[in-house]
N, C-alpha and C. Protein backbone atom coordinates (compact mmCIF):
# COMPACT_ATOMS: atom_id res chain seq x y z
N MET A 1 124.94 22.61 -8.43
CA MET A 1 124.56 21.20 -8.34
C MET A 1 125.40 20.50 -7.28
N PHE A 2 124.80 19.49 -6.65
CA PHE A 2 125.47 18.75 -5.59
C PHE A 2 125.27 17.25 -5.82
N THR A 3 125.99 16.44 -5.05
CA THR A 3 125.88 14.98 -5.21
C THR A 3 125.26 14.30 -3.99
N GLY A 4 125.09 15.03 -2.90
CA GLY A 4 124.54 14.42 -1.70
C GLY A 4 125.58 13.69 -0.88
N ILE A 5 126.87 13.85 -1.23
CA ILE A 5 127.94 13.28 -0.43
C ILE A 5 128.46 14.38 0.50
N VAL A 6 127.92 14.44 1.69
CA VAL A 6 128.26 15.49 2.65
C VAL A 6 129.72 15.38 3.06
N GLN A 7 130.43 16.52 3.06
CA GLN A 7 131.86 16.52 3.35
C GLN A 7 132.17 16.66 4.83
N GLY A 8 131.16 17.04 5.61
CA GLY A 8 131.36 17.18 7.05
C GLY A 8 130.32 18.13 7.63
N ILE A 9 130.48 18.44 8.90
CA ILE A 9 129.57 19.37 9.56
C ILE A 9 130.32 20.63 9.97
N ALA A 10 129.59 21.73 10.13
CA ALA A 10 130.19 23.00 10.53
C ALA A 10 129.24 23.70 11.50
N ARG A 11 129.83 24.46 12.41
CA ARG A 11 129.05 25.13 13.46
C ARG A 11 128.62 26.52 13.03
N ILE A 12 127.39 26.88 13.40
CA ILE A 12 126.90 28.24 13.14
C ILE A 12 127.54 29.17 14.15
N HIS A 13 128.31 30.14 13.65
CA HIS A 13 129.05 31.06 14.51
C HIS A 13 128.18 32.24 14.96
N SER A 14 127.36 32.77 14.06
CA SER A 14 126.50 33.90 14.41
C SER A 14 125.32 33.97 13.46
N ILE A 15 124.27 34.63 13.91
CA ILE A 15 123.06 34.83 13.11
C ILE A 15 122.62 36.27 13.28
N THR A 16 122.38 36.96 12.18
CA THR A 16 121.86 38.32 12.20
C THR A 16 120.47 38.31 11.59
N GLU A 17 119.48 38.73 12.38
CA GLU A 17 118.09 38.71 11.93
C GLU A 17 117.67 40.08 11.41
N SER A 18 116.93 40.06 10.29
CA SER A 18 116.28 41.25 9.76
C SER A 18 114.84 40.86 9.44
N THR A 19 114.07 41.78 8.91
CA THR A 19 112.68 41.48 8.57
C THR A 19 112.63 40.48 7.43
N HIS A 20 112.09 39.29 7.71
CA HIS A 20 111.96 38.21 6.72
C HIS A 20 113.30 37.89 6.06
N PHE A 21 114.38 37.97 6.81
CA PHE A 21 115.71 37.81 6.23
C PHE A 21 116.68 37.43 7.35
N ARG A 22 117.66 36.62 7.01
CA ARG A 22 118.64 36.21 8.01
C ARG A 22 120.00 36.04 7.34
N THR A 23 121.04 36.49 8.03
CA THR A 23 122.41 36.21 7.61
C THR A 23 123.00 35.21 8.59
N GLN A 24 123.45 34.09 8.06
CA GLN A 24 123.99 33.00 8.86
C GLN A 24 125.48 32.89 8.58
N VAL A 25 126.29 32.94 9.64
CA VAL A 25 127.74 32.84 9.49
C VAL A 25 128.19 31.48 10.04
N VAL A 26 128.85 30.71 9.19
CA VAL A 26 129.27 29.36 9.53
C VAL A 26 130.79 29.30 9.60
N LYS A 27 131.29 28.58 10.59
CA LYS A 27 132.74 28.42 10.76
C LYS A 27 133.18 27.17 10.01
N LEU A 28 133.84 27.37 8.88
CA LEU A 28 134.23 26.25 8.03
C LEU A 28 135.69 25.84 8.28
N PRO A 29 135.95 24.55 8.41
CA PRO A 29 137.33 24.08 8.56
C PRO A 29 138.10 24.27 7.25
N PRO A 30 139.45 24.22 7.32
CA PRO A 30 140.28 24.50 6.14
C PRO A 30 139.95 23.65 4.92
N GLU A 31 139.68 22.36 5.11
CA GLU A 31 139.44 21.48 3.97
C GLU A 31 138.17 21.83 3.21
N MET A 32 137.25 22.56 3.86
CA MET A 32 136.01 22.97 3.19
C MET A 32 136.12 24.35 2.57
N ARG A 33 137.21 25.07 2.83
CA ARG A 33 137.36 26.44 2.32
C ARG A 33 138.27 26.52 1.10
N LYS A 34 138.91 25.45 0.72
CA LYS A 34 139.88 25.48 -0.36
C LYS A 34 139.24 25.98 -1.66
N GLY A 35 139.75 27.10 -2.17
CA GLY A 35 139.24 27.66 -3.41
C GLY A 35 137.88 28.32 -3.31
N LEU A 36 137.36 28.46 -2.10
CA LEU A 36 136.03 29.05 -1.93
C LEU A 36 136.06 30.55 -2.22
N GLU A 37 135.07 31.02 -2.98
CA GLU A 37 134.98 32.43 -3.34
C GLU A 37 133.58 32.96 -3.08
N ILE A 38 133.49 34.29 -2.95
CA ILE A 38 132.18 34.92 -2.82
C ILE A 38 131.37 34.63 -4.09
N GLY A 39 130.11 34.27 -3.92
CA GLY A 39 129.25 33.90 -5.04
C GLY A 39 129.16 32.40 -5.25
N ALA A 40 130.02 31.63 -4.58
CA ALA A 40 129.98 30.18 -4.72
C ALA A 40 128.75 29.61 -4.02
N SER A 41 128.32 28.44 -4.47
CA SER A 41 127.19 27.75 -3.86
C SER A 41 127.69 26.68 -2.89
N VAL A 42 127.10 26.67 -1.69
CA VAL A 42 127.44 25.69 -0.67
C VAL A 42 126.15 25.15 -0.08
N SER A 43 126.04 23.86 0.03
CA SER A 43 124.84 23.24 0.61
C SER A 43 124.94 23.24 2.13
N ASN A 44 123.93 23.83 2.79
CA ASN A 44 123.79 23.82 4.25
C ASN A 44 122.54 23.00 4.58
N ASN A 45 122.73 21.80 5.15
CA ASN A 45 121.59 20.90 5.41
C ASN A 45 120.77 20.66 4.15
N GLY A 46 121.47 20.60 3.01
CA GLY A 46 120.80 20.32 1.76
C GLY A 46 120.22 21.52 1.06
N VAL A 47 120.36 22.71 1.63
CA VAL A 47 119.84 23.94 1.03
C VAL A 47 120.97 24.65 0.30
N CYS A 48 120.77 24.93 -0.97
CA CYS A 48 121.78 25.63 -1.76
C CYS A 48 121.81 27.10 -1.34
N LEU A 49 122.93 27.54 -0.76
CA LEU A 49 123.09 28.92 -0.33
C LEU A 49 124.30 29.53 -1.02
N THR A 50 124.25 30.85 -1.22
CA THR A 50 125.34 31.57 -1.89
C THR A 50 126.24 32.24 -0.86
N VAL A 51 127.54 32.08 -1.03
CA VAL A 51 128.51 32.73 -0.15
C VAL A 51 128.47 34.24 -0.40
N THR A 52 128.23 35.01 0.66
CA THR A 52 128.17 36.48 0.53
C THR A 52 129.37 37.19 1.12
N GLU A 53 130.11 36.50 2.01
CA GLU A 53 131.29 37.12 2.62
C GLU A 53 132.18 36.01 3.18
N ILE A 54 133.49 36.23 3.09
CA ILE A 54 134.47 35.30 3.66
C ILE A 54 135.43 36.08 4.53
N ASN A 55 135.48 35.74 5.79
CA ASN A 55 136.39 36.40 6.74
C ASN A 55 137.19 35.31 7.44
N GLU A 56 138.32 34.93 6.82
CA GLU A 56 139.13 33.80 7.28
C GLU A 56 138.27 32.53 7.31
N ASP A 57 138.00 31.96 8.49
CA ASP A 57 137.23 30.71 8.52
C ASP A 57 135.74 30.94 8.70
N LEU A 58 135.31 32.20 8.70
CA LEU A 58 133.89 32.52 8.86
C LEU A 58 133.29 32.86 7.50
N VAL A 59 132.27 32.10 7.13
CA VAL A 59 131.66 32.25 5.81
C VAL A 59 130.19 32.61 6.00
N SER A 60 129.75 33.67 5.32
CA SER A 60 128.39 34.19 5.48
C SER A 60 127.47 33.75 4.35
N PHE A 61 126.20 33.51 4.72
CA PHE A 61 125.17 33.15 3.77
C PHE A 61 123.90 33.95 4.11
N ASP A 62 123.18 34.42 3.09
CA ASP A 62 121.92 35.10 3.30
C ASP A 62 120.76 34.14 3.04
N LEU A 63 119.77 34.17 3.93
CA LEU A 63 118.60 33.30 3.82
C LEU A 63 117.35 34.16 3.65
N MET A 64 116.62 33.92 2.57
CA MET A 64 115.40 34.66 2.30
C MET A 64 114.22 34.06 3.08
N GLN A 65 113.10 34.77 3.08
CA GLN A 65 111.92 34.35 3.84
C GLN A 65 111.45 32.95 3.43
N GLU A 66 111.43 32.67 2.12
CA GLU A 66 110.94 31.38 1.66
C GLU A 66 111.82 30.24 2.15
N THR A 67 113.13 30.47 2.17
CA THR A 67 114.05 29.44 2.68
C THR A 67 113.81 29.20 4.16
N LEU A 68 113.60 30.26 4.92
CA LEU A 68 113.35 30.14 6.36
C LEU A 68 112.03 29.42 6.63
N ARG A 69 111.06 29.59 5.72
CA ARG A 69 109.74 28.99 5.92
C ARG A 69 109.72 27.51 5.56
N ILE A 70 110.37 27.14 4.47
CA ILE A 70 110.25 25.79 3.94
C ILE A 70 111.22 24.82 4.60
N THR A 71 112.40 25.29 5.02
CA THR A 71 113.45 24.39 5.49
C THR A 71 113.62 24.46 7.01
N ASN A 72 114.53 23.62 7.52
CA ASN A 72 114.80 23.64 8.97
C ASN A 72 115.84 24.68 9.36
N LEU A 73 116.37 25.43 8.39
CA LEU A 73 117.39 26.43 8.72
C LEU A 73 116.82 27.56 9.58
N GLY A 74 115.55 27.86 9.40
CA GLY A 74 114.94 28.94 10.17
C GLY A 74 114.85 28.66 11.66
N ALA A 75 114.93 27.37 12.04
CA ALA A 75 114.83 26.99 13.45
C ALA A 75 116.19 26.87 14.12
N LEU A 76 117.27 27.01 13.35
CA LEU A 76 118.60 26.83 13.92
C LEU A 76 119.03 28.06 14.70
N LYS A 77 119.95 27.84 15.64
CA LYS A 77 120.48 28.92 16.47
C LYS A 77 121.99 28.83 16.54
N VAL A 78 122.61 29.87 17.07
CA VAL A 78 124.07 29.90 17.20
C VAL A 78 124.54 28.68 18.01
N GLY A 79 125.57 28.03 17.51
CA GLY A 79 126.09 26.83 18.16
C GLY A 79 125.60 25.54 17.55
N ASP A 80 124.49 25.61 16.79
CA ASP A 80 124.02 24.42 16.09
C ASP A 80 124.95 24.09 14.93
N PHE A 81 124.86 22.88 14.43
CA PHE A 81 125.69 22.44 13.31
C PHE A 81 124.84 22.19 12.07
N VAL A 82 125.48 22.30 10.91
CA VAL A 82 124.81 22.00 9.65
C VAL A 82 125.71 21.06 8.83
N ASN A 83 125.06 20.22 8.01
CA ASN A 83 125.80 19.41 7.04
C ASN A 83 126.29 20.32 5.91
N ILE A 84 127.53 20.14 5.50
CA ILE A 84 128.11 20.99 4.46
C ILE A 84 128.56 20.15 3.27
N GLU A 85 128.18 20.63 2.07
CA GLU A 85 128.72 20.08 0.83
C GLU A 85 129.03 21.22 -0.12
N ARG A 86 130.25 21.25 -0.64
CA ARG A 86 130.61 22.21 -1.69
C ARG A 86 129.96 21.78 -3.00
N ALA A 87 129.79 22.73 -3.91
CA ALA A 87 129.19 22.44 -5.20
C ALA A 87 130.01 21.42 -5.98
N MET A 88 129.31 20.62 -6.76
CA MET A 88 129.95 19.59 -7.56
C MET A 88 130.87 20.22 -8.60
N GLN A 89 132.03 19.60 -8.83
CA GLN A 89 132.97 20.06 -9.85
C GLN A 89 132.94 19.12 -11.04
N MET A 90 133.04 19.69 -12.23
CA MET A 90 133.05 18.87 -13.43
C MET A 90 134.22 17.90 -13.40
N GLY A 91 133.93 16.64 -13.76
CA GLY A 91 134.97 15.63 -13.80
C GLY A 91 135.14 14.88 -12.50
N ALA A 92 134.49 15.36 -11.43
CA ALA A 92 134.61 14.70 -10.13
C ALA A 92 133.70 13.48 -10.09
N GLU A 93 134.08 12.51 -9.27
CA GLU A 93 133.27 11.30 -9.10
C GLU A 93 131.95 11.64 -8.42
N ILE A 94 130.86 11.08 -8.93
CA ILE A 94 129.54 11.29 -8.34
C ILE A 94 129.17 10.04 -7.57
N GLY A 95 129.27 10.13 -6.25
CA GLY A 95 129.00 8.96 -5.42
C GLY A 95 127.57 8.86 -4.95
N GLY A 96 126.81 9.95 -5.03
CA GLY A 96 125.42 9.93 -4.59
C GLY A 96 124.48 10.03 -5.78
N HIS A 97 123.66 11.08 -5.82
CA HIS A 97 122.85 11.37 -7.00
C HIS A 97 122.76 12.87 -7.15
N ILE A 98 122.41 13.33 -8.34
CA ILE A 98 122.41 14.75 -8.63
C ILE A 98 121.33 15.47 -7.83
N LEU A 99 121.74 16.53 -7.13
CA LEU A 99 120.82 17.35 -6.33
C LEU A 99 120.93 18.80 -6.76
N SER A 100 119.83 19.52 -6.59
CA SER A 100 119.82 20.95 -6.92
C SER A 100 120.01 21.82 -5.69
N GLY A 101 119.77 21.24 -4.50
CA GLY A 101 119.82 22.05 -3.29
C GLY A 101 118.53 22.81 -3.05
N HIS A 102 117.47 22.44 -3.77
CA HIS A 102 116.16 23.07 -3.60
C HIS A 102 115.29 22.13 -2.76
N VAL A 103 115.17 22.42 -1.49
CA VAL A 103 114.43 21.56 -0.57
C VAL A 103 112.94 21.61 -0.88
N TYR A 104 112.32 20.43 -0.92
CA TYR A 104 110.91 20.32 -1.28
C TYR A 104 110.00 20.54 -0.07
N CYS A 105 110.42 19.98 1.08
CA CYS A 105 109.64 20.10 2.31
C CYS A 105 110.51 19.62 3.47
N THR A 106 109.93 19.58 4.65
CA THR A 106 110.61 18.98 5.81
C THR A 106 109.86 17.72 6.23
N ALA A 107 110.56 16.88 7.00
CA ALA A 107 109.96 15.67 7.56
C ALA A 107 110.37 15.57 9.02
N VAL A 108 109.60 14.79 9.77
CA VAL A 108 109.88 14.59 11.20
C VAL A 108 110.38 13.17 11.41
N ILE A 109 111.43 13.01 12.20
CA ILE A 109 111.93 11.68 12.53
C ILE A 109 110.94 11.01 13.48
N SER A 110 110.36 9.90 13.01
CA SER A 110 109.30 9.24 13.79
C SER A 110 109.79 8.01 14.54
N ASP A 111 110.93 7.45 14.12
CA ASP A 111 111.45 6.27 14.82
C ASP A 111 112.93 6.09 14.47
N ILE A 112 113.69 5.59 15.42
CA ILE A 112 115.11 5.27 15.21
C ILE A 112 115.35 3.87 15.74
N ILE A 113 115.83 2.99 14.87
CA ILE A 113 116.10 1.60 15.26
C ILE A 113 117.60 1.37 15.11
N ALA A 114 118.28 1.23 16.24
CA ALA A 114 119.74 1.08 16.23
C ALA A 114 120.13 -0.38 16.38
N THR A 115 121.09 -0.81 15.55
CA THR A 115 121.68 -2.14 15.67
C THR A 115 123.19 -1.97 15.82
N GLU A 116 123.90 -3.07 15.87
CA GLU A 116 125.33 -3.00 16.15
C GLU A 116 126.11 -2.24 15.09
N ASN A 117 125.76 -2.42 13.82
CA ASN A 117 126.57 -1.84 12.75
C ASN A 117 125.87 -0.82 11.89
N ASN A 118 124.61 -0.56 12.14
CA ASN A 118 123.93 0.49 11.36
C ASN A 118 122.74 1.03 12.15
N ARG A 119 122.04 1.95 11.52
CA ARG A 119 120.89 2.57 12.17
C ARG A 119 119.81 2.79 11.13
N GLN A 120 118.60 2.38 11.46
CA GLN A 120 117.46 2.63 10.58
C GLN A 120 116.66 3.79 11.15
N ILE A 121 116.40 4.77 10.30
CA ILE A 121 115.65 5.96 10.73
C ILE A 121 114.41 6.09 9.87
N TRP A 122 113.26 6.29 10.54
CA TRP A 122 111.98 6.50 9.87
C TRP A 122 111.61 7.98 9.88
N PHE A 123 111.07 8.44 8.77
CA PHE A 123 110.68 9.83 8.61
C PHE A 123 109.20 9.91 8.25
N GLU A 124 108.51 10.86 8.85
CA GLU A 124 107.11 11.10 8.53
C GLU A 124 106.99 12.37 7.69
N LEU A 125 106.41 12.21 6.50
CA LEU A 125 106.24 13.33 5.57
C LEU A 125 104.88 14.00 5.77
N PRO A 126 104.75 15.26 5.33
CA PRO A 126 103.54 16.01 5.67
C PRO A 126 102.28 15.59 4.94
N ASN A 127 102.37 15.06 3.72
CA ASN A 127 101.15 14.75 2.99
C ASN A 127 101.40 13.75 1.86
N ALA A 128 100.31 13.29 1.25
CA ALA A 128 100.39 12.31 0.17
C ALA A 128 101.01 12.90 -1.08
N GLU A 129 100.92 14.19 -1.25
CA GLU A 129 101.49 14.85 -2.43
C GLU A 129 102.99 14.61 -2.49
N VAL A 130 103.64 14.57 -1.35
CA VAL A 130 105.08 14.30 -1.31
C VAL A 130 105.34 12.80 -1.42
N MET A 131 104.52 12.00 -0.76
CA MET A 131 104.75 10.56 -0.70
C MET A 131 104.74 9.89 -2.07
N LYS A 132 104.05 10.46 -3.03
CA LYS A 132 104.00 9.82 -4.35
C LYS A 132 105.37 9.80 -5.03
N TYR A 133 106.29 10.63 -4.54
CA TYR A 133 107.65 10.65 -5.10
C TYR A 133 108.62 9.76 -4.32
N ILE A 134 108.16 9.15 -3.25
CA ILE A 134 109.01 8.33 -2.38
C ILE A 134 108.77 6.86 -2.71
N LEU A 135 109.73 6.25 -3.39
CA LEU A 135 109.58 4.88 -3.87
C LEU A 135 110.66 3.99 -3.26
N THR A 136 110.27 2.78 -2.89
CA THR A 136 111.24 1.82 -2.33
C THR A 136 112.41 1.62 -3.29
N LYS A 137 113.62 1.72 -2.76
CA LYS A 137 114.89 1.61 -3.49
C LYS A 137 115.18 2.83 -4.36
N GLY A 138 114.34 3.86 -4.26
CA GLY A 138 114.61 5.10 -4.96
C GLY A 138 115.54 5.98 -4.15
N PHE A 139 115.84 7.16 -4.69
CA PHE A 139 116.72 8.11 -4.02
C PHE A 139 115.93 9.20 -3.31
N VAL A 140 116.51 9.71 -2.22
CA VAL A 140 116.00 10.89 -1.54
C VAL A 140 117.18 11.57 -0.87
N ALA A 141 117.10 12.87 -0.69
CA ALA A 141 118.14 13.59 0.05
C ALA A 141 117.55 14.06 1.37
N VAL A 142 118.20 13.70 2.47
CA VAL A 142 117.77 14.09 3.81
C VAL A 142 118.85 15.00 4.40
N ASP A 143 118.51 16.26 4.65
CA ASP A 143 119.50 17.24 5.11
C ASP A 143 120.74 17.25 4.21
N GLY A 144 120.50 17.05 2.91
CA GLY A 144 121.58 17.11 1.94
C GLY A 144 122.33 15.81 1.74
N ILE A 145 121.93 14.74 2.41
CA ILE A 145 122.61 13.44 2.30
C ILE A 145 121.87 12.57 1.30
N SER A 146 122.58 12.10 0.29
CA SER A 146 121.99 11.19 -0.69
C SER A 146 121.79 9.82 -0.05
N LEU A 147 120.54 9.36 -0.02
CA LEU A 147 120.22 8.09 0.63
C LEU A 147 119.27 7.26 -0.23
N THR A 148 119.33 5.95 -0.03
CA THR A 148 118.42 5.02 -0.70
C THR A 148 117.25 4.71 0.22
N ILE A 149 116.06 4.80 -0.31
CA ILE A 149 114.86 4.54 0.48
C ILE A 149 114.73 3.04 0.73
N GLY A 150 114.59 2.67 2.00
CA GLY A 150 114.54 1.26 2.36
C GLY A 150 113.15 0.67 2.30
N GLU A 151 112.17 1.37 2.87
CA GLU A 151 110.80 0.87 2.94
C GLU A 151 109.85 2.05 3.00
N VAL A 152 108.65 1.86 2.48
CA VAL A 152 107.65 2.93 2.45
C VAL A 152 106.35 2.37 3.03
N LYS A 153 105.70 3.14 3.92
CA LYS A 153 104.38 2.75 4.42
C LYS A 153 103.60 4.01 4.77
N GLU A 154 102.40 4.11 4.21
CA GLU A 154 101.52 5.27 4.42
C GLU A 154 102.30 6.56 4.15
N ASN A 155 102.44 7.43 5.15
CA ASN A 155 103.16 8.69 4.91
C ASN A 155 104.55 8.68 5.54
N GLN A 156 105.15 7.48 5.64
CA GLN A 156 106.47 7.35 6.22
C GLN A 156 107.41 6.54 5.32
N PHE A 157 108.71 6.78 5.48
CA PHE A 157 109.71 5.95 4.79
C PHE A 157 110.92 5.85 5.70
N CYS A 158 111.77 4.86 5.42
CA CYS A 158 112.97 4.69 6.23
C CYS A 158 114.22 4.63 5.35
N VAL A 159 115.36 4.90 5.98
CA VAL A 159 116.66 4.73 5.35
C VAL A 159 117.55 3.96 6.33
N ASN A 160 118.56 3.29 5.81
CA ASN A 160 119.50 2.55 6.64
C ASN A 160 120.87 3.20 6.51
N LEU A 161 121.46 3.54 7.64
CA LEU A 161 122.69 4.33 7.67
C LEU A 161 123.86 3.51 8.20
N ILE A 162 124.99 3.59 7.48
CA ILE A 162 126.21 2.91 7.91
C ILE A 162 126.98 3.81 8.87
N PRO A 163 127.94 3.27 9.62
CA PRO A 163 128.70 4.09 10.58
C PRO A 163 129.38 5.31 9.97
N GLU A 164 129.88 5.22 8.73
CA GLU A 164 130.55 6.36 8.11
C GLU A 164 129.60 7.54 7.95
N THR A 165 128.38 7.29 7.52
CA THR A 165 127.39 8.37 7.38
C THR A 165 127.03 8.95 8.73
N LEU A 166 126.88 8.10 9.73
CA LEU A 166 126.55 8.57 11.08
C LEU A 166 127.67 9.43 11.66
N GLN A 167 128.91 9.09 11.34
CA GLN A 167 130.05 9.82 11.89
C GLN A 167 130.29 11.13 11.15
N ARG A 168 130.09 11.15 9.85
CA ARG A 168 130.43 12.31 9.03
C ARG A 168 129.35 13.38 9.02
N THR A 169 128.11 13.00 9.24
CA THR A 169 126.97 13.91 9.12
C THR A 169 126.23 14.07 10.44
N LEU A 170 125.23 14.92 10.42
CA LEU A 170 124.41 15.15 11.61
C LEU A 170 123.49 13.98 11.93
N MET A 171 123.37 13.01 11.04
CA MET A 171 122.46 11.90 11.28
C MET A 171 122.82 11.11 12.54
N GLY A 172 124.08 11.09 12.89
CA GLY A 172 124.49 10.39 14.09
C GLY A 172 124.00 11.05 15.36
N GLN A 173 123.60 12.33 15.27
CA GLN A 173 123.14 13.07 16.44
C GLN A 173 121.62 13.26 16.47
N ARG A 174 120.96 12.85 15.40
CA ARG A 174 119.52 13.10 15.30
C ARG A 174 118.73 12.27 16.31
N LYS A 175 117.61 12.88 16.77
CA LYS A 175 116.73 12.23 17.74
C LYS A 175 115.30 12.20 17.19
N MET A 176 114.47 11.37 17.79
CA MET A 176 113.06 11.34 17.40
C MET A 176 112.44 12.72 17.63
N GLY A 177 111.65 13.16 16.66
CA GLY A 177 111.02 14.47 16.72
C GLY A 177 111.80 15.56 16.01
N ASP A 178 113.07 15.29 15.66
CA ASP A 178 113.86 16.28 14.93
C ASP A 178 113.27 16.49 13.54
N VAL A 179 113.43 17.72 13.03
CA VAL A 179 112.92 18.07 11.70
C VAL A 179 114.09 18.12 10.72
N VAL A 180 113.93 17.46 9.57
CA VAL A 180 114.99 17.39 8.57
C VAL A 180 114.47 17.90 7.23
N ASN A 181 115.40 18.35 6.39
CA ASN A 181 115.06 18.82 5.05
C ASN A 181 114.98 17.66 4.08
N ILE A 182 114.01 17.71 3.17
CA ILE A 182 113.82 16.66 2.18
C ILE A 182 113.89 17.26 0.77
N GLU A 183 114.77 16.69 -0.05
CA GLU A 183 114.76 16.99 -1.49
C GLU A 183 114.48 15.70 -2.22
N ILE A 184 113.39 15.68 -2.96
CA ILE A 184 113.03 14.48 -3.70
C ILE A 184 113.92 14.36 -4.94
N ASP A 185 114.05 13.12 -5.43
CA ASP A 185 114.86 12.87 -6.62
C ASP A 185 114.18 13.50 -7.84
N PRO A 186 114.85 14.40 -8.55
CA PRO A 186 114.20 15.09 -9.68
C PRO A 186 113.79 14.15 -10.81
N GLN A 187 114.53 13.07 -11.02
CA GLN A 187 114.14 12.11 -12.06
C GLN A 187 112.86 11.39 -11.68
N THR A 188 112.75 11.01 -10.41
CA THR A 188 111.52 10.37 -9.95
C THR A 188 110.35 11.33 -10.08
N GLN A 189 110.56 12.57 -9.71
CA GLN A 189 109.49 13.57 -9.81
C GLN A 189 109.04 13.74 -11.26
N ALA A 190 109.99 13.80 -12.18
CA ALA A 190 109.66 13.99 -13.59
C ALA A 190 108.84 12.81 -14.13
N ILE A 191 109.23 11.59 -13.74
CA ILE A 191 108.51 10.40 -14.22
C ILE A 191 107.09 10.36 -13.65
N VAL A 192 106.97 10.58 -12.34
CA VAL A 192 105.65 10.54 -11.70
C VAL A 192 104.74 11.62 -12.28
N ASP A 193 105.25 12.83 -12.43
CA ASP A 193 104.42 13.92 -12.97
C ASP A 193 104.02 13.66 -14.42
N THR A 194 104.92 13.09 -15.21
CA THR A 194 104.61 12.78 -16.61
C THR A 194 103.51 11.73 -16.71
N VAL A 195 103.62 10.68 -15.89
CA VAL A 195 102.59 9.63 -15.88
C VAL A 195 101.25 10.21 -15.44
N GLU A 196 101.26 11.06 -14.42
CA GLU A 196 100.01 11.66 -13.95
C GLU A 196 99.34 12.50 -15.05
N ARG A 197 100.14 13.30 -15.77
CA ARG A 197 99.59 14.13 -16.85
C ARG A 197 99.04 13.26 -17.98
N TYR A 198 99.75 12.17 -18.28
CA TYR A 198 99.30 11.27 -19.36
C TYR A 198 97.98 10.62 -18.99
N LEU A 199 97.87 10.13 -17.75
CA LEU A 199 96.64 9.48 -17.31
C LEU A 199 95.47 10.47 -17.26
N ALA A 200 95.78 11.69 -16.81
CA ALA A 200 94.73 12.72 -16.74
C ALA A 200 94.21 13.07 -18.13
N ALA A 201 95.11 13.09 -19.11
CA ALA A 201 94.72 13.44 -20.48
C ALA A 201 93.86 12.35 -21.11
N ARG A 202 94.02 11.12 -20.67
CA ARG A 202 93.25 10.00 -21.23
C ARG A 202 91.85 9.92 -20.63
N CYS A 203 91.64 10.53 -19.48
CA CYS A 203 90.33 10.44 -18.83
C CYS A 203 89.31 11.38 -19.47
């Protein structure tokens, strides 16, 4: 489990490709490696991955075909960066919202509106099936970052980012047309699905 409070970014050191399979090696700074063990869960751009090998500051993760297909990790190359969050620890402060690290789909950045002290970013989602879970003032995770939805229109929504988020995460480097990972809020999904089933049963 994760909270969506990204601890920083890390560079992809190497990638080994196999048939429908990829091993991604990330160079983690010391503060992100403290107590890290093989088998631990680490969020890479919001995707829950398992540590398979640790070689000093180089940490390996295996990516299956489904992960490569659904998320933006399959498009990354050596030298690219990913948002990193270690798994939530019991008793720790939860500053974002509870995440599973199971990405629902990807979205495309459709607009970026920059002002002096923040940045508004608009995302276009692939279909109405996803949009029903995107509610104004609700939660969403974008590349593993817990964010509050600012506005919703048709198949798009926006978030407003403060300088700290822009500096700590990849959001400060994102451009129009970039593809990001989306994890919908599980509580919102449960409520929407329950209401849909109830209404369907009454018809």
